[in-house]
Amino acid sequence: MRERAGRAEDPSLVVPDPQSLHAAVNIPASTTGRDAAKKVPGRKRGIAVDVIGLVIAVVVLAASVHDNQSGTELLTRVAARTAAVSKALVDQGFKNTVVEHGAVLGIDDEIVERNPREVGFAPQPIRWREQTLGTLMLQRRLVRDYEANPRSSESRVYWAITAVMARRPAQRPRPGVGHSGMRR
């Protein structure tokens, strides 16, 4: 997909982001928690996507886990999957722990800060994960976490993004420019 979009085989930039979701009643309590900030009981699904919205890494943890832990685990998995990633754009929910961990892995983390003059929801520049998280929520099995094992939940995300990739229309690549119109 990346090569067809006129990009290198492996991404050089990723955007990690966590998402809290409710867990079904059959989920073991030992693998769930409550996200204090979002008031969601269940699990936290973290994804790292490239600039065209393809999932590079997934981690599923208890919702009570801080974003820093999911962020560090995501960066570890990204580094294990591809050595080409040299930069990650993270939101303000991630703190210095993620930035320091990224530096150890050779990934430069840039915190994308929100414009203080904007009120309410405002899409941040160079952030593709919102579209991918929205696309994943269209999959019935991903609206809520039904899997007893967190690793099974992670595999569900990979299955869903594979289905999305299969449905994407074949596009002619534009040399040096990708889906977002930016080079990377």
N, C-alpha and C. Protein backbone atom coordinates (compact mmCIF):
# COMPACT_ATOMS: atom_id res chain seq x y z
N MET A 1 0.83 -1.20 0.00
CA MET A 1 0.00 0.00 0.00
C MET A 1 0.87 1.26 0.00
N ARG A 2 1.91 1.25 0.82
CA ARG A 2 2.77 2.44 0.91
C ARG A 2 3.47 2.70 -0.42
N GLU A 3 3.99 1.65 -1.03
CA GLU A 3 4.69 1.82 -2.30
C GLU A 3 3.74 2.28 -3.39
N ARG A 4 2.52 1.78 -3.38
CA ARG A 4 1.54 2.19 -4.36
C ARG A 4 1.18 3.67 -4.19
N ALA A 5 1.29 4.15 -2.95
CA ALA A 5 1.01 5.57 -2.67
C ALA A 5 2.24 6.45 -2.94
N GLY A 6 3.30 5.85 -3.47
CA GLY A 6 4.49 6.62 -3.79
C GLY A 6 5.40 6.86 -2.60
N ARG A 7 5.33 5.99 -1.61
CA ARG A 7 6.13 6.13 -0.40
C ARG A 7 7.10 4.97 -0.26
N ALA A 8 8.04 5.12 0.66
CA ALA A 8 8.98 4.04 0.94
C ALA A 8 8.23 2.88 1.58
N GLU A 9 8.83 1.70 1.51
CA GLU A 9 8.19 0.50 2.06
C GLU A 9 7.91 0.65 3.56
N ASP A 10 8.88 1.19 4.30
CA ASP A 10 8.72 1.39 5.74
C ASP A 10 8.57 2.88 6.04
N PRO A 11 7.72 3.22 7.00
CA PRO A 11 7.51 4.63 7.32
C PRO A 11 8.68 5.23 8.10
N SER A 12 8.86 6.53 7.98
CA SER A 12 9.87 7.23 8.78
C SER A 12 9.22 8.03 9.90
N LEU A 13 7.90 8.17 9.85
CA LEU A 13 7.17 8.95 10.86
C LEU A 13 5.93 8.18 11.27
N VAL A 14 5.64 8.17 12.57
CA VAL A 14 4.42 7.55 13.07
C VAL A 14 3.72 8.52 14.02
N VAL A 15 2.43 8.28 14.21
CA VAL A 15 1.64 9.05 15.14
C VAL A 15 0.97 8.08 16.10
N PRO A 16 1.48 7.98 17.35
CA PRO A 16 0.85 7.09 18.33
C PRO A 16 -0.28 7.81 19.08
N ASP A 17 -1.32 7.06 19.43
CA ASP A 17 -2.42 7.64 20.18
C ASP A 17 -3.22 6.54 20.87
N PRO A 18 -3.60 6.76 22.14
CA PRO A 18 -4.44 5.79 22.84
C PRO A 18 -5.92 6.12 22.69
N GLN A 19 -6.74 5.10 22.86
CA GLN A 19 -8.19 5.26 22.80
C GLN A 19 -8.78 4.34 23.87
N SER A 20 -9.59 4.89 24.76
CA SER A 20 -10.25 4.07 25.78
C SER A 20 -11.56 3.57 25.24
N LEU A 21 -11.87 2.29 25.52
CA LEU A 21 -13.13 1.73 25.08
C LEU A 21 -13.68 0.79 26.14
N HIS A 22 -14.98 0.66 26.13
CA HIS A 22 -15.67 -0.20 27.07
C HIS A 22 -15.33 -1.66 26.79
N ALA A 23 -15.31 -2.44 27.85
CA ALA A 23 -15.07 -3.87 27.72
C ALA A 23 -16.38 -4.61 27.93
N ALA A 24 -16.53 -5.74 27.24
CA ALA A 24 -17.72 -6.57 27.40
C ALA A 24 -17.70 -7.22 28.78
N VAL A 25 -18.81 -7.80 29.19
CA VAL A 25 -18.93 -8.37 30.53
C VAL A 25 -18.07 -9.61 30.73
N ASN A 26 -17.68 -10.30 29.66
CA ASN A 26 -16.89 -11.52 29.80
C ASN A 26 -15.40 -11.27 29.96
N ILE A 27 -14.96 -10.02 29.95
CA ILE A 27 -13.54 -9.68 30.03
C ILE A 27 -13.06 -9.84 31.47
N PRO A 28 -11.94 -10.53 31.68
CA PRO A 28 -11.42 -10.69 33.05
C PRO A 28 -11.08 -9.33 33.68
N ALA A 29 -11.45 -9.17 34.92
CA ALA A 29 -11.20 -7.91 35.63
C ALA A 29 -9.71 -7.60 35.74
N SER A 30 -8.88 -8.64 35.70
CA SER A 30 -7.43 -8.44 35.82
C SER A 30 -6.84 -7.71 34.61
N THR A 31 -7.56 -7.67 33.48
CA THR A 31 -7.04 -7.01 32.28
C THR A 31 -7.78 -5.72 31.95
N THR A 32 -8.64 -5.27 32.87
CA THR A 32 -9.39 -4.03 32.63
C THR A 32 -9.13 -3.04 33.75
N GLY A 33 -9.62 -1.84 33.57
CA GLY A 33 -9.51 -0.79 34.57
C GLY A 33 -10.43 0.34 34.19
N ARG A 34 -10.28 1.48 34.85
CA ARG A 34 -11.12 2.64 34.57
C ARG A 34 -10.23 3.82 34.20
N ASP A 35 -10.47 4.39 33.03
CA ASP A 35 -9.75 5.58 32.58
C ASP A 35 -10.31 6.75 33.36
N ALA A 36 -9.53 7.28 34.29
CA ALA A 36 -10.00 8.36 35.16
C ALA A 36 -10.32 9.63 34.38
N ALA A 37 -9.56 9.93 33.36
CA ALA A 37 -9.78 11.16 32.60
C ALA A 37 -11.05 11.10 31.74
N LYS A 38 -11.30 9.94 31.15
CA LYS A 38 -12.43 9.82 30.24
C LYS A 38 -13.63 9.10 30.86
N LYS A 39 -13.47 8.64 32.08
CA LYS A 39 -14.55 7.95 32.80
C LYS A 39 -15.04 6.72 32.06
N VAL A 40 -14.10 5.97 31.48
CA VAL A 40 -14.45 4.78 30.71
C VAL A 40 -13.91 3.54 31.40
N PRO A 41 -14.79 2.60 31.80
CA PRO A 41 -14.31 1.34 32.35
C PRO A 41 -14.03 0.37 31.21
N GLY A 42 -12.86 -0.23 31.21
CA GLY A 42 -12.56 -1.19 30.15
C GLY A 42 -11.09 -1.26 29.84
N ARG A 43 -10.76 -1.11 28.57
CA ARG A 43 -9.38 -1.22 28.11
C ARG A 43 -8.97 0.01 27.32
N LYS A 44 -7.67 0.17 27.20
CA LYS A 44 -7.09 1.26 26.41
C LYS A 44 -6.37 0.63 25.23
N ARG A 45 -6.78 1.04 24.03
CA ARG A 45 -6.16 0.54 22.81
C ARG A 45 -5.26 1.65 22.27
N GLY A 46 -3.99 1.35 22.14
CA GLY A 46 -3.05 2.32 21.58
C GLY A 46 -2.66 1.89 20.19
N ILE A 47 -2.67 2.83 19.25
CA ILE A 47 -2.24 2.53 17.90
C ILE A 47 -1.17 3.53 17.47
N ALA A 48 -0.30 3.09 16.60
CA ALA A 48 0.68 3.97 15.96
C ALA A 48 0.44 3.83 14.47
N VAL A 49 0.14 4.95 13.81
CA VAL A 49 -0.16 4.93 12.38
C VAL A 49 0.87 5.73 11.60
N ASP A 50 0.97 5.42 10.31
CA ASP A 50 1.86 6.20 9.43
C ASP A 50 1.06 7.34 8.80
N VAL A 51 1.66 8.07 7.88
CA VAL A 51 1.02 9.25 7.33
C VAL A 51 -0.17 8.96 6.42
N ILE A 52 -0.32 7.73 5.96
CA ILE A 52 -1.50 7.41 5.15
C ILE A 52 -2.53 6.62 5.96
N GLY A 53 -2.33 6.55 7.27
CA GLY A 53 -3.32 5.94 8.15
C GLY A 53 -3.20 4.45 8.34
N LEU A 54 -2.11 3.84 7.92
CA LEU A 54 -1.93 2.40 8.12
C LEU A 54 -1.40 2.14 9.52
N VAL A 55 -1.92 1.13 10.16
CA VAL A 55 -1.52 0.79 11.52
C VAL A 55 -0.15 0.11 11.49
N ILE A 56 0.79 0.66 12.24
CA ILE A 56 2.14 0.11 12.32
C ILE A 56 2.27 -0.76 13.57
N ALA A 57 1.66 -0.34 14.67
CA ALA A 57 1.73 -1.11 15.92
C ALA A 57 0.45 -0.89 16.72
N VAL A 58 0.10 -1.91 17.51
CA VAL A 58 -1.08 -1.87 18.37
C VAL A 58 -0.69 -2.42 19.74
N VAL A 59 -1.24 -1.81 20.78
CA VAL A 59 -1.09 -2.34 22.13
C VAL A 59 -2.43 -2.18 22.85
N VAL A 60 -2.85 -3.21 23.58
CA VAL A 60 -4.09 -3.16 24.35
C VAL A 60 -3.74 -3.39 25.81
N LEU A 61 -4.12 -2.42 26.65
CA LEU A 61 -3.83 -2.47 28.09
C LEU A 61 -5.10 -2.13 28.85
N ALA A 62 -5.04 -2.26 30.17
CA ALA A 62 -6.16 -1.84 31.01
C ALA A 62 -6.36 -0.34 30.85
N ALA A 63 -7.61 0.12 30.90
CA ALA A 63 -7.90 1.55 30.71
C ALA A 63 -7.29 2.40 31.80
N SER A 64 -7.01 1.81 32.95
CA SER A 64 -6.44 2.57 34.07
C SER A 64 -4.96 2.90 33.86
N VAL A 65 -4.33 2.31 32.87
CA VAL A 65 -2.92 2.55 32.58
C VAL A 65 -2.77 3.96 32.01
N HIS A 66 -1.75 4.68 32.47
CA HIS A 66 -1.51 6.04 31.99
C HIS A 66 -1.07 6.02 30.52
N ASP A 67 -1.37 7.10 29.82
CA ASP A 67 -0.99 7.20 28.41
C ASP A 67 0.51 7.00 28.20
N ASN A 68 1.32 7.39 29.18
CA ASN A 68 2.77 7.22 29.05
C ASN A 68 3.16 5.76 28.88
N GLN A 69 2.52 4.88 29.63
CA GLN A 69 2.85 3.46 29.53
C GLN A 69 2.44 2.90 28.17
N SER A 70 1.26 3.28 27.69
CA SER A 70 0.85 2.81 26.37
C SER A 70 1.76 3.42 25.29
N GLY A 71 2.16 4.66 25.48
CA GLY A 71 3.05 5.31 24.51
C GLY A 71 4.41 4.66 24.44
N THR A 72 4.99 4.33 25.59
CA THR A 72 6.31 3.69 25.57
C THR A 72 6.22 2.29 24.98
N GLU A 73 5.16 1.58 25.28
CA GLU A 73 4.99 0.24 24.70
C GLU A 73 4.79 0.33 23.18
N LEU A 74 4.03 1.32 22.73
CA LEU A 74 3.84 1.50 21.29
C LEU A 74 5.16 1.79 20.59
N LEU A 75 5.96 2.70 21.15
CA LEU A 75 7.24 3.02 20.53
C LEU A 75 8.18 1.82 20.50
N THR A 76 8.14 1.00 21.56
CA THR A 76 8.95 -0.22 21.58
C THR A 76 8.53 -1.15 20.45
N ARG A 77 7.23 -1.30 20.24
CA ARG A 77 6.75 -2.18 19.17
C ARG A 77 7.04 -1.61 17.79
N VAL A 78 6.94 -0.30 17.66
CA VAL A 78 7.27 0.33 16.38
C VAL A 78 8.73 0.09 16.04
N ALA A 79 9.61 0.31 17.02
CA ALA A 79 11.05 0.11 16.80
C ALA A 79 11.36 -1.35 16.47
N ALA A 80 10.61 -2.28 17.05
CA ALA A 80 10.83 -3.70 16.77
C ALA A 80 10.36 -4.07 15.36
N ARG A 81 9.34 -3.40 14.85
CA ARG A 81 8.79 -3.72 13.54
C ARG A 81 9.56 -3.10 12.40
N THR A 82 10.10 -1.90 12.61
CA THR A 82 10.80 -1.22 11.53
C THR A 82 11.86 -0.29 12.09
N ALA A 83 13.03 -0.34 11.50
CA ALA A 83 14.12 0.53 11.94
C ALA A 83 14.09 1.88 11.24
N ALA A 84 13.19 2.03 10.26
CA ALA A 84 13.14 3.26 9.47
C ALA A 84 12.49 4.43 10.20
N VAL A 85 11.68 4.15 11.23
CA VAL A 85 10.98 5.23 11.94
C VAL A 85 11.98 6.05 12.73
N SER A 86 12.00 7.35 12.44
CA SER A 86 12.92 8.25 13.14
C SER A 86 12.20 9.37 13.85
N LYS A 87 10.88 9.50 13.65
CA LYS A 87 10.13 10.59 14.27
C LYS A 87 8.73 10.13 14.63
N ALA A 88 8.23 10.63 15.76
CA ALA A 88 6.86 10.36 16.19
C ALA A 88 6.23 11.67 16.62
N LEU A 89 5.01 11.89 16.18
CA LEU A 89 4.25 13.07 16.60
C LEU A 89 3.25 12.62 17.65
N VAL A 90 3.36 13.18 18.85
CA VAL A 90 2.49 12.78 19.95
C VAL A 90 1.71 13.98 20.44
N ASP A 91 0.57 13.73 21.07
CA ASP A 91 -0.21 14.84 21.60
C ASP A 91 0.24 15.17 23.02
N GLN A 92 -0.41 16.14 23.62
CA GLN A 92 0.01 16.62 24.92
C GLN A 92 -0.27 15.64 26.05
N GLY A 93 -1.05 14.58 25.77
CA GLY A 93 -1.30 13.58 26.80
C GLY A 93 -0.06 12.78 27.15
N PHE A 94 0.87 12.72 26.24
CA PHE A 94 2.13 12.03 26.49
C PHE A 94 3.10 13.00 27.16
N LYS A 95 3.83 12.51 28.11
CA LYS A 95 4.76 13.37 28.85
C LYS A 95 6.20 13.01 28.50
N ASN A 96 7.12 13.53 29.28
CA ASN A 96 8.55 13.34 29.03
C ASN A 96 8.98 11.89 29.02
N THR A 97 8.26 11.02 29.73
CA THR A 97 8.61 9.60 29.76
C THR A 97 8.63 9.02 28.36
N VAL A 98 7.64 9.34 27.56
CA VAL A 98 7.55 8.83 26.19
C VAL A 98 8.65 9.44 25.34
N VAL A 99 8.90 10.74 25.51
CA VAL A 99 9.94 11.42 24.74
C VAL A 99 11.31 10.82 25.06
N GLU A 100 11.59 10.58 26.35
CA GLU A 100 12.86 9.99 26.75
C GLU A 100 13.00 8.56 26.23
N HIS A 101 11.92 7.78 26.29
CA HIS A 101 11.96 6.41 25.80
C HIS A 101 12.19 6.39 24.29
N GLY A 102 11.55 7.31 23.58
CA GLY A 102 11.76 7.41 22.14
C GLY A 102 13.21 7.73 21.81
N ALA A 103 13.83 8.60 22.60
CA ALA A 103 15.23 8.96 22.37
C ALA A 103 16.14 7.74 22.53
N VAL A 104 15.83 6.89 23.51
CA VAL A 104 16.61 5.67 23.72
C VAL A 104 16.49 4.75 22.49
N LEU A 105 15.30 4.73 21.89
CA LEU A 105 15.06 3.88 20.72
C LEU A 105 15.52 4.52 19.42
N GLY A 106 15.95 5.77 19.46
CA GLY A 106 16.36 6.47 18.25
C GLY A 106 15.20 7.12 17.52
N ILE A 107 14.11 7.36 18.23
CA ILE A 107 12.92 7.99 17.64
C ILE A 107 12.75 9.36 18.28
N ASP A 108 12.75 10.40 17.46
CA ASP A 108 12.57 11.77 17.94
C ASP A 108 11.08 12.02 18.12
N ASP A 109 10.65 12.26 19.35
CA ASP A 109 9.24 12.53 19.63
C ASP A 109 9.00 14.03 19.67
N GLU A 110 8.02 14.46 18.89
CA GLU A 110 7.64 15.87 18.89
C GLU A 110 6.22 15.97 19.45
N ILE A 111 6.05 16.76 20.50
CA ILE A 111 4.74 16.95 21.10
C ILE A 111 4.03 18.04 20.31
N VAL A 112 2.90 17.68 19.68
CA VAL A 112 2.11 18.63 18.90
C VAL A 112 1.17 19.32 19.88
N GLU A 113 1.41 20.60 20.11
CA GLU A 113 0.61 21.34 21.08
C GLU A 113 -0.57 22.00 20.42
N ARG A 114 -1.61 22.08 21.16
CA ARG A 114 -2.85 22.69 20.73
C ARG A 114 -2.73 24.21 20.77
N ASN A 115 -3.37 24.87 19.82
CA ASN A 115 -3.40 26.33 19.79
C ASN A 115 -4.30 26.80 20.94
N PRO A 116 -3.78 27.60 21.89
CA PRO A 116 -4.58 28.00 23.04
C PRO A 116 -5.78 28.87 22.68
N ARG A 117 -5.80 29.46 21.48
CA ARG A 117 -6.93 30.29 21.07
C ARG A 117 -8.10 29.48 20.55
N GLU A 118 -7.90 28.20 20.26
CA GLU A 118 -8.98 27.35 19.75
C GLU A 118 -9.79 26.80 20.91
N VAL A 119 -11.11 26.85 20.77
CA VAL A 119 -12.02 26.38 21.80
C VAL A 119 -12.76 25.16 21.25
N GLY A 120 -12.96 24.14 22.09
CA GLY A 120 -13.67 22.94 21.65
C GLY A 120 -12.78 22.04 20.80
N PHE A 121 -13.42 21.16 20.03
CA PHE A 121 -12.65 20.25 19.19
C PHE A 121 -12.06 20.99 18.01
N ALA A 122 -10.78 20.82 17.79
CA ALA A 122 -10.10 21.41 16.64
C ALA A 122 -9.06 20.41 16.16
N PRO A 123 -9.20 19.90 14.93
CA PRO A 123 -8.20 18.95 14.44
C PRO A 123 -6.81 19.58 14.43
N GLN A 124 -5.85 18.82 14.89
CA GLN A 124 -4.48 19.31 14.94
C GLN A 124 -3.78 19.02 13.62
N PRO A 125 -2.87 19.88 13.22
CA PRO A 125 -2.17 19.64 11.95
C PRO A 125 -1.28 18.40 12.05
N ILE A 126 -1.11 17.75 10.93
CA ILE A 126 -0.24 16.59 10.80
C ILE A 126 -0.62 15.51 11.81
N ARG A 127 -1.90 15.22 11.94
CA ARG A 127 -2.37 14.17 12.84
C ARG A 127 -3.33 13.27 12.08
N TRP A 128 -2.89 12.09 11.67
CA TRP A 128 -3.70 11.20 10.85
C TRP A 128 -4.43 10.16 11.69
N ARG A 129 -4.12 10.08 12.94
CA ARG A 129 -4.69 9.01 13.74
C ARG A 129 -6.18 9.17 13.97
N GLU A 130 -6.70 10.40 13.96
CA GLU A 130 -8.13 10.58 14.15
C GLU A 130 -8.92 9.83 13.09
N GLN A 131 -8.47 9.90 11.85
CA GLN A 131 -9.16 9.22 10.77
C GLN A 131 -9.08 7.71 10.96
N THR A 132 -7.92 7.20 11.34
CA THR A 132 -7.77 5.75 11.51
C THR A 132 -8.60 5.25 12.69
N LEU A 133 -8.59 5.97 13.82
CA LEU A 133 -9.42 5.56 14.95
C LEU A 133 -10.90 5.57 14.57
N GLY A 134 -11.33 6.57 13.81
CA GLY A 134 -12.72 6.62 13.35
C GLY A 134 -13.05 5.48 12.43
N THR A 135 -12.14 5.14 11.54
CA THR A 135 -12.34 4.02 10.62
C THR A 135 -12.44 2.71 11.39
N LEU A 136 -11.60 2.54 12.40
CA LEU A 136 -11.65 1.32 13.19
C LEU A 136 -12.97 1.20 13.95
N MET A 137 -13.52 2.32 14.38
CA MET A 137 -14.78 2.28 15.13
C MET A 137 -15.96 1.90 14.24
N LEU A 138 -15.79 1.90 12.92
CA LEU A 138 -16.83 1.44 12.02
C LEU A 138 -16.91 -0.09 12.00
N GLN A 139 -15.90 -0.74 12.53
CA GLN A 139 -15.89 -2.20 12.60
C GLN A 139 -16.65 -2.64 13.86
N ARG A 140 -17.68 -3.41 13.68
CA ARG A 140 -18.54 -3.81 14.79
C ARG A 140 -17.77 -4.43 15.94
N ARG A 141 -16.78 -5.26 15.65
CA ARG A 141 -16.04 -5.94 16.71
C ARG A 141 -15.07 -5.02 17.45
N LEU A 142 -14.86 -3.81 16.96
CA LEU A 142 -13.90 -2.91 17.61
C LEU A 142 -14.56 -1.76 18.37
N VAL A 143 -15.88 -1.67 18.33
CA VAL A 143 -16.57 -0.62 19.06
C VAL A 143 -16.43 -0.84 20.56
N ARG A 144 -16.44 -2.09 20.96
CA ARG A 144 -16.28 -2.51 22.35
C ARG A 144 -15.26 -3.63 22.35
N ASP A 145 -14.56 -3.81 23.45
CA ASP A 145 -13.57 -4.89 23.51
C ASP A 145 -14.26 -6.16 23.99
N TYR A 146 -14.38 -7.13 23.09
CA TYR A 146 -15.04 -8.40 23.38
C TYR A 146 -14.06 -9.53 23.68
N GLU A 147 -12.80 -9.31 23.45
CA GLU A 147 -11.81 -10.38 23.55
C GLU A 147 -11.31 -10.54 24.99
N ALA A 148 -11.27 -11.79 25.47
CA ALA A 148 -10.79 -12.06 26.83
C ALA A 148 -9.29 -11.81 26.94
N ASN A 149 -8.56 -12.06 25.88
CA ASN A 149 -7.11 -11.89 25.87
C ASN A 149 -6.75 -10.59 25.15
N PRO A 150 -5.98 -9.70 25.77
CA PRO A 150 -5.60 -8.45 25.10
C PRO A 150 -4.87 -8.67 23.76
N ARG A 151 -4.09 -9.74 23.64
CA ARG A 151 -3.41 -10.02 22.37
C ARG A 151 -4.41 -10.31 21.26
N SER A 152 -5.52 -10.93 21.60
CA SER A 152 -6.58 -11.16 20.61
C SER A 152 -7.20 -9.85 20.17
N SER A 153 -7.34 -8.91 21.10
CA SER A 153 -7.86 -7.58 20.77
C SER A 153 -6.92 -6.87 19.79
N GLU A 154 -5.63 -7.01 20.01
CA GLU A 154 -4.65 -6.40 19.12
C GLU A 154 -4.78 -7.00 17.72
N SER A 155 -4.94 -8.32 17.64
CA SER A 155 -5.04 -8.96 16.32
C SER A 155 -6.31 -8.53 15.59
N ARG A 156 -7.37 -8.22 16.32
CA ARG A 156 -8.61 -7.73 15.70
C ARG A 156 -8.37 -6.41 14.97
N VAL A 157 -7.53 -5.55 15.55
CA VAL A 157 -7.22 -4.27 14.91
C VAL A 157 -6.47 -4.52 13.60
N TYR A 158 -5.50 -5.43 13.64
CA TYR A 158 -4.76 -5.74 12.41
C TYR A 158 -5.68 -6.32 11.34
N TRP A 159 -6.62 -7.18 11.74
CA TRP A 159 -7.58 -7.74 10.78
C TRP A 159 -8.42 -6.62 10.18
N ALA A 160 -8.87 -5.70 11.02
CA ALA A 160 -9.73 -4.61 10.54
C ALA A 160 -8.99 -3.71 9.56
N ILE A 161 -7.75 -3.36 9.87
CA ILE A 161 -7.02 -2.46 8.98
C ILE A 161 -6.66 -3.18 7.68
N THR A 162 -6.49 -4.50 7.73
CA THR A 162 -6.26 -5.27 6.51
C THR A 162 -7.49 -5.20 5.61
N ALA A 163 -8.67 -5.29 6.21
CA ALA A 163 -9.91 -5.19 5.42
C ALA A 163 -10.03 -3.79 4.81
N VAL A 164 -9.66 -2.76 5.55
CA VAL A 164 -9.70 -1.39 5.03
C VAL A 164 -8.74 -1.25 3.86
N MET A 165 -7.55 -1.81 4.00
CA MET A 165 -6.55 -1.73 2.92
C MET A 165 -7.05 -2.45 1.67
N ALA A 166 -7.72 -3.57 1.85
CA ALA A 166 -8.21 -4.33 0.70
C ALA A 166 -9.30 -3.57 -0.06
N ARG A 167 -10.04 -2.72 0.64
CA ARG A 167 -11.11 -1.96 0.01
C ARG A 167 -10.65 -0.64 -0.59
N ARG A 168 -9.44 -0.19 -0.26
CA ARG A 168 -8.96 1.08 -0.82
C ARG A 168 -8.81 0.95 -2.33
N PRO A 169 -9.29 1.96 -3.03
CA PRO A 169 -9.17 1.88 -4.49
C PRO A 169 -7.71 1.98 -4.92
N ALA A 170 -7.41 1.32 -6.01
CA ALA A 170 -6.05 1.40 -6.55
C ALA A 170 -5.83 2.81 -7.07
N GLN A 171 -4.81 3.44 -6.55
CA GLN A 171 -4.50 4.80 -6.96
C GLN A 171 -3.15 4.82 -7.62
N ARG A 172 -3.01 5.66 -8.62
CA ARG A 172 -1.70 5.81 -9.25
C ARG A 172 -0.84 6.64 -8.33
N PRO A 173 0.39 6.21 -8.07
CA PRO A 173 1.26 6.97 -7.18
C PRO A 173 1.70 8.28 -7.81
N ARG A 174 1.85 9.28 -6.96
CA ARG A 174 2.41 10.56 -7.38
C ARG A 174 3.82 10.61 -6.83
N PRO A 175 4.82 10.67 -7.69
CA PRO A 175 6.21 10.61 -7.23
C PRO A 175 6.53 11.66 -6.16
N GLY A 176 7.02 11.16 -5.01
CA GLY A 176 7.48 12.05 -3.93
C GLY A 176 6.39 12.65 -3.09
N VAL A 177 5.13 12.44 -3.43
CA VAL A 177 4.03 13.03 -2.66
C VAL A 177 3.07 11.91 -2.30
N GLY A 178 2.66 11.88 -1.04
CA GLY A 178 1.77 10.83 -0.57
C GLY A 178 0.34 11.28 -0.48
N HIS A 179 -0.46 10.47 0.19
CA HIS A 179 -1.90 10.67 0.32
C HIS A 179 -2.23 12.02 0.94
N SER A 180 -1.46 12.47 1.91
CA SER A 180 -1.78 13.73 2.61
C SER A 180 -1.25 14.94 1.86
N GLY A 181 -0.53 14.73 0.77
CA GLY A 181 0.02 15.84 0.03
C GLY A 181 1.35 16.32 0.57
N MET A 182 1.86 15.63 1.58
CA MET A 182 3.14 16.01 2.19
C MET A 182 4.18 14.94 1.90
N ARG A 183 5.40 15.34 1.84
CA ARG A 183 6.48 14.39 1.65
C ARG A 183 6.86 13.79 2.99
N ARG A 184 7.14 12.51 3.02
CA ARG A 184 7.67 11.81 4.20
C ARG A 184 8.02 10.42 3.81
